[in-house]
């Protein structure tokens, strides 16, 4: 494979791993037209992994806005877990534990200040809202809220496809269709997931059969 084409294929593998971190290596290798052994070798390279991480972080900003939007919608519906998540992501809530050790003398002084403080009485005249019976089981409610938040985030996230990537996908689909038609015409089974040497042999057989029927 020429060096220039190999670099393009490598860049494509990086982009796919960055956009779909959970994609299997076999699927990535098949989409890039390389062997899975080659992809595994690339993944042992620190520079390759660093490039994948950089590409992933460059697209994570848009994903985070979708996560925050989904969390905000759930928070408006009363989901406590979503409220906490949105507040933390927006910097409105900081997890902080403050431990203060006081000497007996400081405790005595503080107690004296309390005794000298002015005490004011207030009467609550407004009616309290109806009690939410779901609070009777806080663990079950927290679990349901987390599940609802996760589902909302999944529904709210839609992968953004650039015009360049959309054009590449159309080109790839067209090439795949033409290849299938050529194979069907000469009675050759589809290419399938062949990679590496098996892929080259399949193309050689396709060309050989096409020459025979000309």
N, C-alpha and C. Protein backbone atom coordinates (compact mmCIF):
# COMPACT_ATOMS: atom_id res chain seq x y z
N UNK A 1 0.85 -1.19 0.00
CA UNK A 1 0.00 0.00 0.00
C UNK A 1 0.88 1.24 0.00
N UNK A 2 0.61 2.20 -0.89
CA UNK A 2 1.43 3.42 -0.93
C UNK A 2 1.35 4.15 0.39
N UNK A 3 2.41 4.89 0.69
CA UNK A 3 2.51 5.58 1.97
C UNK A 3 1.40 6.59 2.15
N UNK A 4 1.05 7.35 1.07
CA UNK A 4 0.01 8.36 1.16
C UNK A 4 -1.34 7.74 1.47
N UNK A 5 -1.67 6.66 0.79
CA UNK A 5 -2.95 5.99 1.02
C UNK A 5 -2.97 5.40 2.43
N UNK A 6 -1.86 4.86 2.88
CA UNK A 6 -1.80 4.27 4.21
C UNK A 6 -2.05 5.33 5.27
N UNK A 7 -1.53 6.53 5.07
CA UNK A 7 -1.75 7.61 6.03
C UNK A 7 -3.24 7.99 6.06
N UNK A 8 -3.89 8.03 4.90
CA UNK A 8 -5.30 8.36 4.85
C UNK A 8 -6.12 7.29 5.57
N UNK A 9 -5.77 6.04 5.37
CA UNK A 9 -6.48 4.95 6.04
C UNK A 9 -6.27 5.02 7.54
N UNK A 10 -5.05 5.35 7.94
CA UNK A 10 -4.75 5.46 9.37
C UNK A 10 -5.54 6.61 10.00
N UNK A 11 -5.62 7.72 9.29
CA UNK A 11 -6.41 8.86 9.78
C UNK A 11 -7.88 8.48 9.91
N UNK A 12 -8.36 7.71 8.96
CA UNK A 12 -9.76 7.29 9.01
C UNK A 12 -10.02 6.38 10.20
N UNK A 13 -9.07 5.49 10.49
CA UNK A 13 -9.20 4.62 11.66
C UNK A 13 -9.20 5.44 12.95
N UNK A 14 -8.34 6.45 13.01
CA UNK A 14 -8.31 7.34 14.19
C UNK A 14 -9.66 8.02 14.37
N UNK A 15 -10.21 8.53 13.27
CA UNK A 15 -11.48 9.26 13.34
C UNK A 15 -12.61 8.34 13.80
N UNK A 16 -12.64 7.12 13.29
CA UNK A 16 -13.69 6.19 13.67
C UNK A 16 -13.59 5.80 15.14
N UNK A 17 -12.38 5.57 15.63
CA UNK A 17 -12.19 5.21 17.04
C UNK A 17 -12.54 6.38 17.94
N UNK A 18 -12.32 7.61 17.46
CA UNK A 18 -12.65 8.80 18.27
C UNK A 18 -14.16 9.03 18.31
N UNK A 19 -14.84 8.82 17.17
CA UNK A 19 -16.28 9.06 17.11
C UNK A 19 -17.08 7.91 17.71
N UNK A 20 -16.56 6.69 17.62
CA UNK A 20 -17.27 5.52 18.15
C UNK A 20 -16.32 4.72 19.05
N UNK A 21 -16.09 5.20 20.29
CA UNK A 21 -15.14 4.51 21.19
C UNK A 21 -15.52 3.06 21.48
N UNK A 22 -16.83 2.74 21.40
CA UNK A 22 -17.28 1.38 21.72
C UNK A 22 -17.32 0.47 20.49
N UNK A 23 -16.92 0.97 19.35
CA UNK A 23 -16.93 0.13 18.14
C UNK A 23 -15.88 -0.96 18.26
N UNK A 24 -16.20 -2.14 17.73
CA UNK A 24 -15.26 -3.25 17.78
C UNK A 24 -14.11 -3.02 16.80
N UNK A 25 -12.95 -3.57 17.13
CA UNK A 25 -11.80 -3.43 16.25
C UNK A 25 -12.05 -4.08 14.90
N UNK A 26 -12.81 -5.17 14.90
CA UNK A 26 -13.10 -5.85 13.64
C UNK A 26 -13.92 -4.96 12.72
N UNK A 27 -14.91 -4.23 13.29
CA UNK A 27 -15.74 -3.35 12.48
C UNK A 27 -14.93 -2.18 11.92
N UNK A 28 -14.05 -1.62 12.74
CA UNK A 28 -13.21 -0.51 12.29
C UNK A 28 -12.25 -0.97 11.20
N UNK A 29 -11.64 -2.12 11.42
CA UNK A 29 -10.69 -2.64 10.44
C UNK A 29 -11.38 -2.94 9.11
N UNK A 30 -12.60 -3.48 9.18
CA UNK A 30 -13.32 -3.80 7.95
C UNK A 30 -13.71 -2.53 7.20
N UNK A 31 -14.15 -1.50 7.94
CA UNK A 31 -14.54 -0.24 7.30
C UNK A 31 -13.35 0.46 6.66
N UNK A 32 -12.16 0.27 7.23
CA UNK A 32 -10.96 0.90 6.69
C UNK A 32 -10.25 0.05 5.65
N UNK A 33 -10.72 -1.20 5.48
CA UNK A 33 -10.10 -2.07 4.49
C UNK A 33 -8.73 -2.59 4.88
N UNK A 34 -8.51 -2.79 6.19
CA UNK A 34 -7.23 -3.29 6.67
C UNK A 34 -7.48 -4.52 7.53
N UNK A 35 -6.41 -5.23 7.85
CA UNK A 35 -6.52 -6.39 8.72
C UNK A 35 -6.59 -5.97 10.17
N UNK A 36 -7.26 -6.77 10.99
CA UNK A 36 -7.39 -6.44 12.41
C UNK A 36 -6.04 -6.48 13.11
N UNK A 37 -5.11 -7.29 12.60
CA UNK A 37 -3.76 -7.33 13.17
C UNK A 37 -3.05 -5.98 12.99
N UNK A 38 -3.26 -5.39 11.82
CA UNK A 38 -2.67 -4.07 11.56
C UNK A 38 -3.21 -3.03 12.52
N UNK A 39 -4.53 -3.05 12.75
CA UNK A 39 -5.15 -2.09 13.66
C UNK A 39 -4.65 -2.29 15.09
N UNK A 40 -4.51 -3.54 15.50
CA UNK A 40 -4.00 -3.82 16.85
C UNK A 40 -2.57 -3.30 17.00
N UNK A 41 -1.78 -3.42 15.94
CA UNK A 41 -0.41 -2.91 15.97
C UNK A 41 -0.40 -1.39 16.12
N UNK A 42 -1.30 -0.73 15.39
CA UNK A 42 -1.40 0.73 15.52
C UNK A 42 -1.77 1.13 16.94
N UNK A 43 -2.64 0.37 17.57
CA UNK A 43 -3.12 0.73 18.91
C UNK A 43 -2.04 0.57 19.99
N UNK A 44 -0.97 -0.12 19.67
CA UNK A 44 0.14 -0.21 20.61
C UNK A 44 1.07 0.99 20.52
N UNK A 45 0.83 1.84 19.51
CA UNK A 45 1.65 3.04 19.31
C UNK A 45 1.09 4.19 20.14
N UNK A 46 1.91 4.77 21.01
CA UNK A 46 1.46 5.86 21.88
C UNK A 46 1.02 7.07 21.06
N UNK A 47 1.70 7.35 19.95
CA UNK A 47 1.33 8.48 19.11
C UNK A 47 -0.04 8.30 18.48
N UNK A 48 -0.36 7.07 18.08
CA UNK A 48 -1.67 6.78 17.50
C UNK A 48 -2.77 6.99 18.53
N UNK A 49 -2.57 6.47 19.74
CA UNK A 49 -3.56 6.62 20.80
C UNK A 49 -3.74 8.08 21.20
N UNK A 50 -2.65 8.84 21.21
CA UNK A 50 -2.73 10.26 21.55
C UNK A 50 -3.53 11.02 20.50
N UNK A 51 -3.35 10.65 19.24
CA UNK A 51 -4.10 11.30 18.16
C UNK A 51 -5.59 10.98 18.27
N UNK A 52 -5.92 9.73 18.61
CA UNK A 52 -7.32 9.35 18.79
C UNK A 52 -7.95 10.15 19.94
N UNK A 53 -7.20 10.30 21.04
CA UNK A 53 -7.70 11.06 22.19
C UNK A 53 -7.92 12.52 21.83
N UNK A 54 -6.99 13.11 21.06
CA UNK A 54 -7.13 14.50 20.65
C UNK A 54 -8.37 14.70 19.78
N UNK A 55 -8.59 13.78 18.84
CA UNK A 55 -9.78 13.88 17.98
C UNK A 55 -11.05 13.71 18.80
N UNK A 56 -11.01 12.82 19.79
CA UNK A 56 -12.20 12.61 20.63
C UNK A 56 -12.53 13.87 21.43
N UNK A 57 -11.51 14.50 22.02
CA UNK A 57 -11.74 15.70 22.82
C UNK A 57 -12.22 16.87 21.96
N UNK A 58 -11.81 16.90 20.70
CA UNK A 58 -12.22 18.00 19.82
C UNK A 58 -13.72 17.94 19.51
N UNK A 59 -14.32 16.75 19.62
CA UNK A 59 -15.75 16.61 19.34
C UNK A 59 -16.58 16.46 20.61
N UNK A 60 -15.95 16.38 21.77
CA UNK A 60 -16.68 16.14 23.01
C UNK A 60 -17.44 17.38 23.48
N UNK A 61 -16.99 18.58 23.06
CA UNK A 61 -17.68 19.79 23.49
C UNK A 61 -19.13 19.81 23.05
N UNK A 62 -19.39 19.45 21.80
CA UNK A 62 -20.76 19.42 21.30
C UNK A 62 -21.58 18.36 22.03
N UNK A 63 -20.97 17.22 22.31
CA UNK A 63 -21.69 16.17 23.02
C UNK A 63 -22.07 16.61 24.43
N UNK A 64 -21.17 17.38 25.09
CA UNK A 64 -21.44 17.83 26.45
C UNK A 64 -22.64 18.77 26.49
N UNK A 65 -22.81 19.61 25.47
CA UNK A 65 -23.97 20.50 25.44
C UNK A 65 -25.26 19.70 25.33
N UNK A 66 -25.22 18.59 24.59
CA UNK A 66 -26.40 17.74 24.49
C UNK A 66 -26.71 17.06 25.81
N UNK A 67 -25.65 16.63 26.52
CA UNK A 67 -25.84 16.01 27.83
C UNK A 67 -26.44 17.01 28.81
N UNK A 68 -25.92 18.25 28.81
CA UNK A 68 -26.43 19.28 29.72
C UNK A 68 -27.88 19.63 29.39
N UNK A 69 -28.21 19.67 28.11
CA UNK A 69 -29.58 19.98 27.72
C UNK A 69 -30.54 18.90 28.16
N UNK A 70 -30.13 17.63 28.00
CA UNK A 70 -30.98 16.52 28.44
C UNK A 70 -31.14 16.53 29.95
N UNK A 71 -30.04 16.81 30.68
CA UNK A 71 -30.11 16.87 32.14
C UNK A 71 -31.01 18.01 32.60
N UNK A 72 -30.96 19.15 31.89
CA UNK A 72 -31.79 20.29 32.27
C UNK A 72 -33.28 19.98 32.08
N UNK A 73 -33.61 19.29 30.97
CA UNK A 73 -35.01 18.93 30.73
C UNK A 73 -35.52 18.00 31.83
N UNK A 74 -34.70 17.02 32.22
CA UNK A 74 -35.10 16.11 33.28
C UNK A 74 -35.19 16.82 34.62
N UNK A 75 -34.29 17.77 34.87
CA UNK A 75 -34.31 18.52 36.13
C UNK A 75 -35.60 19.32 36.27
N UNK A 76 -36.09 19.89 35.17
CA UNK A 76 -37.33 20.66 35.20
C UNK A 76 -38.52 19.78 35.56
N UNK A 77 -38.40 18.48 35.31
CA UNK A 77 -39.48 17.54 35.64
C UNK A 77 -39.37 17.04 37.08
N UNK A 78 -38.36 17.51 37.82
CA UNK A 78 -38.23 17.14 39.22
C UNK A 78 -37.24 16.03 39.50
N UNK A 79 -36.44 15.65 38.50
CA UNK A 79 -35.46 14.59 38.68
C UNK A 79 -34.28 15.15 39.48
N UNK A 80 -34.13 14.67 40.73
CA UNK A 80 -33.11 15.20 41.63
C UNK A 80 -31.71 14.88 41.11
N UNK A 81 -31.52 13.66 40.60
CA UNK A 81 -30.20 13.29 40.05
C UNK A 81 -29.82 14.20 38.89
N UNK A 82 -30.81 14.54 38.06
CA UNK A 82 -30.54 15.43 36.93
C UNK A 82 -30.22 16.84 37.42
N UNK A 83 -30.90 17.28 38.48
CA UNK A 83 -30.60 18.60 39.06
C UNK A 83 -29.16 18.67 39.54
N UNK A 84 -28.74 17.62 40.24
CA UNK A 84 -27.38 17.59 40.78
C UNK A 84 -26.35 17.55 39.66
N UNK A 85 -26.61 16.73 38.63
CA UNK A 85 -25.67 16.63 37.51
C UNK A 85 -25.56 17.95 36.77
N UNK A 86 -26.70 18.59 36.48
CA UNK A 86 -26.67 19.85 35.74
C UNK A 86 -25.98 20.94 36.55
N UNK A 87 -26.24 20.97 37.87
CA UNK A 87 -25.61 21.99 38.71
C UNK A 87 -24.10 21.81 38.77
N UNK A 88 -23.64 20.55 38.84
CA UNK A 88 -22.20 20.29 38.87
C UNK A 88 -21.54 20.66 37.55
N UNK A 89 -22.18 20.31 36.43
CA UNK A 89 -21.60 20.58 35.11
C UNK A 89 -21.56 22.08 34.80
N UNK A 90 -22.54 22.82 35.33
CA UNK A 90 -22.59 24.26 35.07
C UNK A 90 -21.82 25.07 36.11
N UNK A 91 -21.20 24.38 37.08
CA UNK A 91 -20.40 25.07 38.09
C UNK A 91 -21.20 25.71 39.21
N UNK A 92 -22.49 25.34 39.31
CA UNK A 92 -23.33 25.89 40.36
C UNK A 92 -23.24 25.10 41.66
N UNK A 93 -22.71 23.90 41.58
CA UNK A 93 -22.60 23.06 42.77
C UNK A 93 -21.17 22.54 42.86
N UNK A 94 -20.53 22.79 43.99
CA UNK A 94 -19.16 22.35 44.23
C UNK A 94 -19.16 21.40 45.41
N UNK A 95 -18.67 20.18 45.16
CA UNK A 95 -18.58 19.22 46.24
C UNK A 95 -17.40 19.58 47.14
N UNK A 96 -17.72 19.95 48.37
CA UNK A 96 -16.67 20.38 49.28
C UNK A 96 -17.02 19.95 50.70
N UNK A 97 -16.06 19.39 51.39
CA UNK A 97 -16.23 18.99 52.78
C UNK A 97 -15.36 19.89 53.65
N UNK A 98 -15.98 20.59 54.59
CA UNK A 98 -15.26 21.51 55.46
C UNK A 98 -15.23 20.93 56.88
N UNK A 99 -14.03 20.71 57.38
CA UNK A 99 -13.85 20.17 58.73
C UNK A 99 -13.24 21.26 59.60
N UNK A 100 -13.90 21.57 60.69
CA UNK A 100 -13.45 22.64 61.57
C UNK A 100 -13.27 22.10 62.98
N UNK A 101 -12.04 22.20 63.48
CA UNK A 101 -11.74 21.76 64.84
C UNK A 101 -11.68 22.98 65.76
N UNK A 102 -12.46 22.95 66.81
CA UNK A 102 -12.50 24.06 67.75
C UNK A 102 -12.02 23.61 69.12
N UNK A 103 -11.31 24.49 69.75
CA UNK A 103 -10.88 24.23 71.13
C UNK A 103 -12.05 24.44 72.08
N UNK A 104 -11.99 23.90 73.28
CA UNK A 104 -13.07 24.13 74.26
C UNK A 104 -13.35 25.61 74.49
N UNK A 105 -12.30 26.47 74.49
CA UNK A 105 -12.50 27.90 74.70
C UNK A 105 -13.29 28.51 73.55
N UNK A 106 -12.96 28.09 72.27
CA UNK A 106 -13.68 28.62 71.12
C UNK A 106 -15.15 28.20 71.14
N UNK A 107 -15.40 26.97 71.57
CA UNK A 107 -16.78 26.51 71.68
C UNK A 107 -17.54 27.35 72.71
N UNK A 108 -16.85 27.69 73.82
CA UNK A 108 -17.49 28.49 74.86
C UNK A 108 -17.83 29.89 74.34
N UNK A 109 -16.91 30.48 73.58
CA UNK A 109 -17.15 31.81 73.01
C UNK A 109 -18.33 31.78 72.04
N UNK A 110 -18.38 30.73 71.22
CA UNK A 110 -19.46 30.62 70.25
C UNK A 110 -20.81 30.45 70.92
N UNK A 111 -20.82 29.71 72.03
CA UNK A 111 -22.06 29.54 72.78
C UNK A 111 -22.51 30.87 73.37
N UNK A 112 -21.56 31.70 73.81
CA UNK A 112 -21.90 33.01 74.36
C UNK A 112 -22.51 33.89 73.28
N UNK A 113 -21.98 33.79 72.05
CA UNK A 113 -22.53 34.59 70.95
C UNK A 113 -23.96 34.19 70.62
N UNK A 114 -24.22 32.91 70.76
CA UNK A 114 -25.58 32.43 70.48
C UNK A 114 -26.56 32.98 71.51
N UNK A 115 -26.14 33.00 72.78
CA UNK A 115 -27.03 33.51 73.83
C UNK A 115 -27.34 34.98 73.65
N UNK A 116 -26.39 35.75 73.07
CA UNK A 116 -26.60 37.18 72.88
C UNK A 116 -27.34 37.52 71.59
N UNK A 117 -27.55 36.49 70.75
CA UNK A 117 -28.20 36.75 69.47
C UNK A 117 -29.67 37.08 69.64
N UNK A 118 -30.19 37.85 68.71
CA UNK A 118 -31.61 38.24 68.75
C UNK A 118 -32.44 37.14 68.12
N UNK A 119 -33.48 36.73 68.80
CA UNK A 119 -34.34 35.66 68.33
C UNK A 119 -35.62 36.27 67.78
N UNK A 120 -35.96 35.89 66.54
CA UNK A 120 -37.15 36.43 65.88
C UNK A 120 -38.08 35.28 65.53
N UNK A 121 -39.35 35.47 65.77
CA UNK A 121 -40.36 34.46 65.49
C UNK A 121 -41.08 34.79 64.19
N UNK A 122 -41.29 33.75 63.38
CA UNK A 122 -42.02 33.92 62.14
C UNK A 122 -43.17 32.92 62.10
N UNK A 123 -44.26 33.33 61.56
CA UNK A 123 -45.43 32.46 61.45
C UNK A 123 -45.62 32.08 59.98
N UNK A 124 -45.69 30.81 59.72
CA UNK A 124 -45.88 30.33 58.35
C UNK A 124 -47.36 30.34 58.03
N UNK A 125 -47.73 31.15 57.06
CA UNK A 125 -49.14 31.28 56.70
C UNK A 125 -49.49 30.58 55.39
N UNK A 126 -48.47 30.37 54.54
CA UNK A 126 -48.75 29.73 53.24
C UNK A 126 -48.96 28.23 53.42
N UNK A 127 -49.76 27.66 52.54
CA UNK A 127 -50.04 26.23 52.60
C UNK A 127 -48.88 25.44 52.00
N UNK A 128 -48.59 24.32 52.62
CA UNK A 128 -47.52 23.47 52.12
C UNK A 128 -48.03 22.65 50.93
N UNK A 129 -47.16 22.33 49.96
CA UNK A 129 -47.59 21.51 48.83
C UNK A 129 -47.91 20.10 49.26
N UNK A 130 -48.66 19.40 48.43
CA UNK A 130 -49.01 18.02 48.74
C UNK A 130 -47.75 17.16 48.81
N UNK A 131 -47.77 16.21 49.71
CA UNK A 131 -46.61 15.35 49.91
C UNK A 131 -46.47 14.37 48.75
N UNK A 132 -45.24 14.20 48.28
CA UNK A 132 -44.94 13.26 47.19
C UNK A 132 -44.70 11.89 47.80
N UNK A 133 -45.59 10.94 47.52
CA UNK A 133 -45.48 9.61 48.12
C UNK A 133 -44.28 8.83 47.58
N UNK A 134 -43.73 9.26 46.44
CA UNK A 134 -42.55 8.55 45.91
C UNK A 134 -41.33 8.72 46.81
N UNK A 135 -41.37 9.74 47.70
CA UNK A 135 -40.26 9.95 48.63
C UNK A 135 -40.23 8.93 49.76
N UNK A 136 -41.26 8.08 49.83
CA UNK A 136 -41.28 7.05 50.87
C UNK A 136 -40.17 6.02 50.66
N UNK A 137 -39.77 5.86 49.40
CA UNK A 137 -38.71 4.91 49.07
C UNK A 137 -37.60 5.67 48.34
N UNK A 138 -36.73 6.37 49.07
CA UNK A 138 -35.72 7.23 48.43
C UNK A 138 -34.75 6.48 47.53
N UNK A 139 -34.38 5.25 47.89
CA UNK A 139 -33.44 4.50 47.06
C UNK A 139 -34.05 4.12 45.73
N UNK A 140 -35.31 3.68 45.79
CA UNK A 140 -35.99 3.32 44.54
C UNK A 140 -36.19 4.56 43.67
N UNK A 141 -36.54 5.69 44.30
CA UNK A 141 -36.74 6.92 43.54
C UNK A 141 -35.45 7.39 42.90
N UNK A 142 -34.34 7.32 43.66
CA UNK A 142 -33.04 7.75 43.11
C UNK A 142 -32.64 6.87 41.93
N UNK A 143 -32.90 5.56 42.05
CA UNK A 143 -32.57 4.64 40.95
C UNK A 143 -33.40 4.96 39.72
N UNK A 144 -34.71 5.21 39.91
CA UNK A 144 -35.57 5.53 38.77
C UNK A 144 -35.16 6.85 38.12
N UNK A 145 -34.75 7.82 38.94
CA UNK A 145 -34.33 9.11 38.39
C UNK A 145 -33.06 8.97 37.58
N UNK A 146 -32.11 8.15 38.06
CA UNK A 146 -30.88 7.94 37.30
C UNK A 146 -31.17 7.28 35.96
N UNK A 147 -32.06 6.28 35.97
CA UNK A 147 -32.41 5.60 34.72
C UNK A 147 -33.10 6.57 33.76
N UNK A 148 -33.99 7.40 34.30
CA UNK A 148 -34.68 8.38 33.46
C UNK A 148 -33.72 9.38 32.86
N UNK A 149 -32.72 9.80 33.66
CA UNK A 149 -31.71 10.74 33.17
C UNK A 149 -30.86 10.12 32.07
N UNK A 150 -30.43 8.87 32.28
CA UNK A 150 -29.61 8.19 31.27
C UNK A 150 -30.38 8.03 29.96
N UNK A 151 -31.68 7.67 30.07
CA UNK A 151 -32.49 7.52 28.86
C UNK A 151 -32.67 8.84 28.14
N UNK A 152 -32.83 9.92 28.92
CA UNK A 152 -33.01 11.24 28.31
C UNK A 152 -31.74 11.67 27.58
N UNK A 153 -30.59 11.36 28.16
CA UNK A 153 -29.32 11.72 27.52
C UNK A 153 -29.14 10.94 26.22
N UNK A 154 -29.51 9.65 26.25
CA UNK A 154 -29.39 8.83 25.04
C UNK A 154 -30.32 9.33 23.95
N UNK A 155 -31.54 9.72 24.34
CA UNK A 155 -32.49 10.22 23.33
C UNK A 155 -32.05 11.57 22.79
N UNK A 156 -31.44 12.38 23.65
CA UNK A 156 -31.07 13.72 23.25
C UNK A 156 -29.82 13.77 22.41
N UNK A 157 -29.01 12.71 22.45
CA UNK A 157 -27.75 12.71 21.69
C UNK A 157 -27.97 12.18 20.29
N UNK A 158 -27.66 13.01 19.31
CA UNK A 158 -27.70 12.60 17.92
C UNK A 158 -26.35 12.91 17.30
N UNK A 159 -25.75 11.90 16.74
CA UNK A 159 -24.43 12.07 16.15
C UNK A 159 -24.48 13.05 14.99
N UNK A 160 -23.61 14.04 15.02
CA UNK A 160 -23.55 15.04 13.96
C UNK A 160 -22.59 14.56 12.87
N UNK A 161 -23.10 14.53 11.64
CA UNK A 161 -22.29 14.07 10.51
C UNK A 161 -21.97 15.28 9.65
N UNK A 162 -20.69 15.50 9.40
CA UNK A 162 -20.26 16.63 8.60
C UNK A 162 -20.59 16.38 7.13
N UNK A 163 -20.70 17.44 6.32
CA UNK A 163 -20.97 17.26 4.88
C UNK A 163 -19.91 16.40 4.20
N UNK A 164 -18.64 16.57 4.64
CA UNK A 164 -17.57 15.77 4.03
C UNK A 164 -17.76 14.29 4.34
N UNK A 165 -18.11 13.98 5.60
CA UNK A 165 -18.31 12.59 5.97
C UNK A 165 -19.54 12.01 5.29
N UNK A 166 -20.58 12.84 5.13
CA UNK A 166 -21.78 12.38 4.44
C UNK A 166 -21.47 12.05 2.98
N UNK A 167 -20.63 12.87 2.35
CA UNK A 167 -20.25 12.61 0.96
C UNK A 167 -19.43 11.32 0.86
N UNK A 168 -18.54 11.11 1.84
CA UNK A 168 -17.74 9.89 1.84
C UNK A 168 -18.63 8.66 2.03
N UNK A 169 -19.65 8.77 2.90
CA UNK A 169 -20.54 7.64 3.13
C UNK A 169 -21.34 7.30 1.87
N UNK A 170 -21.79 8.35 1.16
CA UNK A 170 -22.52 8.09 -0.09
C UNK A 170 -21.62 7.43 -1.13
N UNK A 171 -20.39 7.91 -1.20
CA UNK A 171 -19.43 7.32 -2.16
C UNK A 171 -19.15 5.87 -1.82
N UNK A 172 -19.00 5.60 -0.51
CA UNK A 172 -18.73 4.23 -0.08
C UNK A 172 -19.91 3.32 -0.39
N UNK A 173 -21.14 3.82 -0.18
CA UNK A 173 -22.34 3.02 -0.47
C UNK A 173 -22.45 2.73 -1.95
N UNK A 174 -22.14 3.73 -2.77
CA UNK A 174 -22.21 3.54 -4.22
C UNK A 174 -21.18 2.52 -4.68
N UNK A 175 -19.96 2.60 -4.15
CA UNK A 175 -18.92 1.64 -4.52
C UNK A 175 -19.31 0.23 -4.09
N UNK A 176 -19.91 0.12 -2.91
CA UNK A 176 -20.33 -1.20 -2.43
C UNK A 176 -21.42 -1.78 -3.33
N UNK A 177 -22.36 -0.93 -3.76
CA UNK A 177 -23.44 -1.39 -4.64
C UNK A 177 -22.88 -1.87 -5.98
N UNK A 178 -21.98 -1.07 -6.57
CA UNK A 178 -21.39 -1.45 -7.85
C UNK A 178 -20.60 -2.76 -7.72
N UNK A 179 -19.89 -2.90 -6.60
CA UNK A 179 -19.12 -4.13 -6.40
C UNK A 179 -20.03 -5.35 -6.31
N UNK A 180 -21.16 -5.20 -5.63
CA UNK A 180 -22.10 -6.31 -5.51
C UNK A 180 -22.69 -6.68 -6.86
N UNK A 181 -22.98 -5.67 -7.67
CA UNK A 181 -23.54 -5.95 -8.99
C UNK A 181 -22.52 -6.66 -9.87
N UNK A 182 -21.26 -6.26 -9.79
CA UNK A 182 -20.21 -6.93 -10.57
C UNK A 182 -20.07 -8.39 -10.15
N UNK A 183 -20.09 -8.64 -8.84
CA UNK A 183 -19.95 -10.00 -8.34
C UNK A 183 -21.15 -10.86 -8.72
N UNK A 184 -22.33 -10.28 -8.67
CA UNK A 184 -23.54 -11.01 -9.02
C UNK A 184 -23.55 -11.39 -10.50
N UNK A 185 -23.02 -10.52 -11.32
CA UNK A 185 -23.01 -10.75 -12.77
C UNK A 185 -22.14 -11.93 -13.14
N UNK A 186 -21.02 -12.14 -12.42
CA UNK A 186 -20.10 -13.23 -12.75
C UNK A 186 -20.30 -14.44 -11.84
N UNK A 187 -21.32 -14.39 -10.98
CA UNK A 187 -21.61 -15.53 -10.11
C UNK A 187 -20.63 -15.70 -8.96
N UNK A 188 -20.12 -14.57 -8.45
CA UNK A 188 -19.17 -14.62 -7.35
C UNK A 188 -19.86 -14.17 -6.06
N UNK A 189 -19.58 -14.86 -4.98
CA UNK A 189 -20.21 -14.51 -3.70
C UNK A 189 -19.73 -13.13 -3.25
N UNK A 190 -20.55 -12.41 -2.46
CA UNK A 190 -20.19 -11.05 -2.03
C UNK A 190 -18.86 -11.01 -1.28
N UNK A 191 -18.28 -9.81 -1.26
CA UNK A 191 -16.99 -9.61 -0.58
C UNK A 191 -17.10 -9.86 0.90
N UNK A 192 -18.20 -9.44 1.49
CA UNK A 192 -18.40 -9.66 2.92
C UNK A 192 -17.39 -8.89 3.77
N UNK A 193 -16.87 -9.56 4.79
CA UNK A 193 -15.93 -8.93 5.71
C UNK A 193 -14.49 -9.37 5.47
N UNK A 194 -14.19 -9.75 4.27
CA UNK A 194 -12.82 -10.15 3.97
C UNK A 194 -11.87 -8.97 4.11
N UNK A 195 -10.71 -9.23 4.65
CA UNK A 195 -9.70 -8.19 4.82
C UNK A 195 -8.33 -8.73 4.40
N UNK A 196 -7.41 -7.81 4.20
CA UNK A 196 -6.03 -8.21 3.92
C UNK A 196 -5.89 -9.03 2.66
N UNK A 197 -5.19 -10.17 2.79
CA UNK A 197 -4.90 -11.04 1.65
C UNK A 197 -6.17 -11.63 1.05
N UNK A 198 -7.13 -11.99 1.89
CA UNK A 198 -8.38 -12.56 1.39
C UNK A 198 -9.14 -11.55 0.54
N UNK A 199 -9.08 -10.29 0.91
CA UNK A 199 -9.74 -9.24 0.13
C UNK A 199 -9.09 -9.08 -1.24
N UNK A 200 -7.77 -9.11 -1.27
CA UNK A 200 -7.05 -8.98 -2.54
C UNK A 200 -7.33 -10.17 -3.45
N UNK A 201 -7.41 -11.37 -2.88
CA UNK A 201 -7.69 -12.56 -3.67
C UNK A 201 -9.10 -12.49 -4.25
N UNK A 202 -10.04 -11.93 -3.48
CA UNK A 202 -11.42 -11.82 -3.97
C UNK A 202 -11.48 -10.89 -5.18
N UNK A 203 -10.81 -9.76 -5.12
CA UNK A 203 -10.78 -8.82 -6.23
C UNK A 203 -10.10 -9.45 -7.46
N UNK A 204 -9.04 -10.23 -7.21
CA UNK A 204 -8.35 -10.89 -8.32
C UNK A 204 -9.28 -11.89 -9.01
N UNK A 205 -10.05 -12.63 -8.21
CA UNK A 205 -10.99 -13.59 -8.77
C UNK A 205 -12.10 -12.89 -9.54
N UNK A 206 -12.55 -11.74 -9.02
CA UNK A 206 -13.59 -10.98 -9.71
C UNK A 206 -13.10 -10.51 -11.08
N UNK A 207 -11.89 -9.98 -11.14
CA UNK A 207 -11.35 -9.52 -12.41
C UNK A 207 -11.13 -10.68 -13.38
N UNK A 208 -10.71 -11.84 -12.85
CA UNK A 208 -10.48 -13.00 -13.71
C UNK A 208 -11.78 -13.46 -14.35
N UNK A 209 -12.86 -13.51 -13.57
CA UNK A 209 -14.14 -13.96 -14.12
C UNK A 209 -14.71 -12.94 -15.10
N UNK A 210 -14.48 -11.66 -14.83
CA UNK A 210 -14.99 -10.65 -15.75
C UNK A 210 -14.28 -10.75 -17.11
N UNK A 211 -12.99 -11.09 -17.08
CA UNK A 211 -12.26 -11.23 -18.34
C UNK A 211 -12.76 -12.43 -19.12
N UNK A 212 -13.18 -13.49 -18.43
CA UNK A 212 -13.62 -14.72 -19.12
C UNK A 212 -14.93 -14.50 -19.85
N UNK A 213 -15.80 -13.66 -19.31
CA UNK A 213 -17.11 -13.48 -19.95
C UNK A 213 -17.13 -12.37 -21.00
N UNK A 214 -16.02 -11.67 -21.18
CA UNK A 214 -15.96 -10.60 -22.17
C UNK A 214 -15.86 -11.18 -23.58
